[in-house]
N, C-alpha and C. Protein backbone atom coordinates (compact mmCIF):
# COMPACT_ATOMS: atom_id res chain seq x y z
N UNK A 1 60.62 150.75 110.52
CA UNK A 1 61.10 149.41 110.32
C UNK A 1 60.64 148.56 111.51
N UNK A 2 60.18 147.38 111.23
CA UNK A 2 59.76 146.42 112.25
C UNK A 2 60.60 145.16 112.10
N UNK A 3 61.23 144.75 113.19
CA UNK A 3 62.03 143.53 113.18
C UNK A 3 61.36 142.49 114.06
N UNK A 4 61.28 141.29 113.57
CA UNK A 4 60.74 140.17 114.36
C UNK A 4 61.87 139.20 114.62
N UNK A 5 62.19 139.01 115.90
CA UNK A 5 63.25 138.08 116.27
C UNK A 5 62.64 136.72 116.57
N UNK A 6 63.32 135.65 116.19
CA UNK A 6 62.80 134.30 116.45
C UNK A 6 62.84 133.97 117.94
N UNK A 7 61.69 133.95 118.57
CA UNK A 7 61.58 133.74 120.01
C UNK A 7 62.21 132.43 120.46
N UNK A 8 62.02 131.36 119.69
CA UNK A 8 62.57 130.06 120.08
C UNK A 8 64.09 130.09 120.17
N UNK A 9 64.75 130.81 119.26
CA UNK A 9 66.21 130.92 119.32
C UNK A 9 66.65 131.73 120.54
N UNK A 10 65.95 132.82 120.83
CA UNK A 10 66.29 133.64 121.99
C UNK A 10 66.09 132.86 123.29
N UNK A 11 65.00 132.12 123.39
CA UNK A 11 64.73 131.34 124.60
C UNK A 11 65.76 130.23 124.79
N UNK A 12 66.12 129.55 123.72
CA UNK A 12 67.11 128.47 123.86
C UNK A 12 68.48 129.05 124.22
N UNK A 13 68.81 130.23 123.71
CA UNK A 13 70.06 130.89 124.08
C UNK A 13 70.05 131.27 125.55
N UNK A 14 68.95 131.83 126.02
CA UNK A 14 68.84 132.23 127.42
C UNK A 14 68.95 131.03 128.35
N UNK A 15 68.44 129.89 127.93
CA UNK A 15 68.47 128.69 128.76
C UNK A 15 69.89 128.13 128.92
N UNK A 16 70.74 128.37 127.95
CA UNK A 16 72.09 127.81 128.06
C UNK A 16 73.11 128.79 128.64
N UNK A 17 72.64 129.96 129.06
CA UNK A 17 73.54 130.91 129.72
C UNK A 17 73.92 130.38 131.09
N UNK A 18 75.08 130.59 131.60
CA UNK A 18 76.16 131.32 130.98
C UNK A 18 76.88 130.46 129.94
N UNK A 19 77.24 131.10 128.85
CA UNK A 19 78.02 130.44 127.81
C UNK A 19 78.90 131.48 127.13
N UNK A 20 79.91 131.01 126.46
CA UNK A 20 80.85 131.92 125.80
C UNK A 20 80.40 132.31 124.40
N UNK A 21 79.48 131.55 123.83
CA UNK A 21 79.06 131.78 122.45
C UNK A 21 78.01 132.87 122.35
N UNK A 22 78.11 133.65 121.30
CA UNK A 22 77.10 134.66 121.01
C UNK A 22 75.98 134.01 120.19
N UNK A 23 74.81 134.58 120.29
CA UNK A 23 73.71 134.18 119.41
C UNK A 23 73.72 135.16 118.25
N UNK A 24 73.84 134.63 117.04
CA UNK A 24 73.90 135.47 115.84
C UNK A 24 72.65 135.19 115.01
N UNK A 25 71.91 136.26 114.72
CA UNK A 25 70.70 136.15 113.91
C UNK A 25 70.87 137.06 112.70
N UNK A 26 70.63 136.51 111.52
CA UNK A 26 70.69 137.29 110.29
C UNK A 26 69.28 137.46 109.76
N UNK A 27 68.90 138.72 109.58
CA UNK A 27 67.54 139.04 109.15
C UNK A 27 67.58 139.66 107.75
N UNK A 28 66.72 139.18 106.85
CA UNK A 28 66.69 139.77 105.51
C UNK A 28 66.02 141.14 105.54
N UNK A 29 66.56 142.07 104.77
CA UNK A 29 65.99 143.41 104.62
C UNK A 29 65.53 143.60 103.18
N UNK A 30 64.73 144.62 102.98
CA UNK A 30 64.31 144.95 101.61
C UNK A 30 65.54 145.24 100.75
N UNK A 31 65.47 144.85 99.52
CA UNK A 31 66.58 145.10 98.61
C UNK A 31 67.65 144.03 98.63
N UNK A 32 67.41 142.95 99.39
CA UNK A 32 68.35 141.84 99.41
C UNK A 32 69.46 141.96 100.44
N UNK A 33 69.50 143.07 101.18
CA UNK A 33 70.52 143.21 102.22
C UNK A 33 70.17 142.36 103.43
N UNK A 34 71.15 142.13 104.29
CA UNK A 34 70.95 141.37 105.52
C UNK A 34 71.39 142.22 106.71
N UNK A 35 70.66 142.08 107.79
CA UNK A 35 71.03 142.71 109.05
C UNK A 35 71.46 141.61 109.99
N UNK A 36 72.66 141.72 110.54
CA UNK A 36 73.15 140.73 111.49
C UNK A 36 73.07 141.30 112.89
N UNK A 37 72.42 140.57 113.78
CA UNK A 37 72.28 140.96 115.19
C UNK A 37 73.04 139.94 116.02
N UNK A 38 73.99 140.40 116.82
CA UNK A 38 74.77 139.52 117.70
C UNK A 38 74.37 139.79 119.14
N UNK A 39 73.92 138.76 119.84
CA UNK A 39 73.62 138.85 121.26
C UNK A 39 74.77 138.22 122.02
N UNK A 40 75.45 139.03 122.83
CA UNK A 40 76.52 138.53 123.67
C UNK A 40 76.23 138.97 125.09
N UNK A 41 76.28 138.03 126.02
CA UNK A 41 75.99 138.33 127.41
C UNK A 41 77.23 138.03 128.24
N UNK A 42 77.72 139.04 128.93
CA UNK A 42 78.87 138.86 129.81
C UNK A 42 78.33 138.53 131.20
N UNK A 43 78.42 137.27 131.56
CA UNK A 43 77.83 136.81 132.82
C UNK A 43 78.88 136.50 133.88
N UNK A 44 80.12 136.76 133.61
CA UNK A 44 81.18 136.37 134.54
C UNK A 44 80.98 136.97 135.92
N UNK A 45 80.80 138.28 136.01
CA UNK A 45 80.64 138.92 137.32
C UNK A 45 79.29 138.65 137.94
N UNK A 46 78.23 138.65 137.14
CA UNK A 46 76.90 138.48 137.71
C UNK A 46 76.68 137.07 138.25
N UNK A 47 77.23 136.06 137.60
CA UNK A 47 77.10 134.68 138.10
C UNK A 47 77.86 134.53 139.41
N UNK A 48 79.01 135.14 139.49
CA UNK A 48 79.80 135.06 140.70
C UNK A 48 79.07 135.70 141.89
N UNK A 49 78.39 136.81 141.64
CA UNK A 49 77.75 137.53 142.74
C UNK A 49 76.38 136.97 143.11
N UNK A 50 75.62 136.41 142.15
CA UNK A 50 74.26 135.94 142.47
C UNK A 50 74.07 134.45 142.31
N UNK A 51 75.01 133.77 141.71
CA UNK A 51 74.87 132.33 141.48
C UNK A 51 74.14 132.04 140.19
N UNK A 52 74.01 130.76 139.86
CA UNK A 52 73.33 130.37 138.62
C UNK A 52 71.84 130.61 138.73
N UNK A 53 71.22 130.90 137.60
CA UNK A 53 69.79 131.16 137.52
C UNK A 53 69.03 129.85 137.42
N UNK A 54 67.85 129.83 138.02
CA UNK A 54 66.97 128.68 137.93
C UNK A 54 66.44 128.56 136.49
N UNK A 55 66.22 127.35 135.98
CA UNK A 55 65.70 127.19 134.62
C UNK A 55 64.32 127.80 134.46
N UNK A 56 64.05 128.32 133.27
CA UNK A 56 62.74 128.89 132.96
C UNK A 56 61.79 127.75 132.62
N UNK A 57 60.61 127.77 133.20
CA UNK A 57 59.64 126.72 132.90
C UNK A 57 58.43 127.25 132.22
């Protein structure tokens, strides 16, 4: 199985971190089924220890 994730959605999600919202992507599978992928990043401790990340350019 090969999955292709939408790069633009992943990049825009990464740019708005830290945030409380998950990124949810639904991918169609053969036979009409759907695969749901939830990206959730817990940044509470890492932001406190390293500070905010510089924007990606």
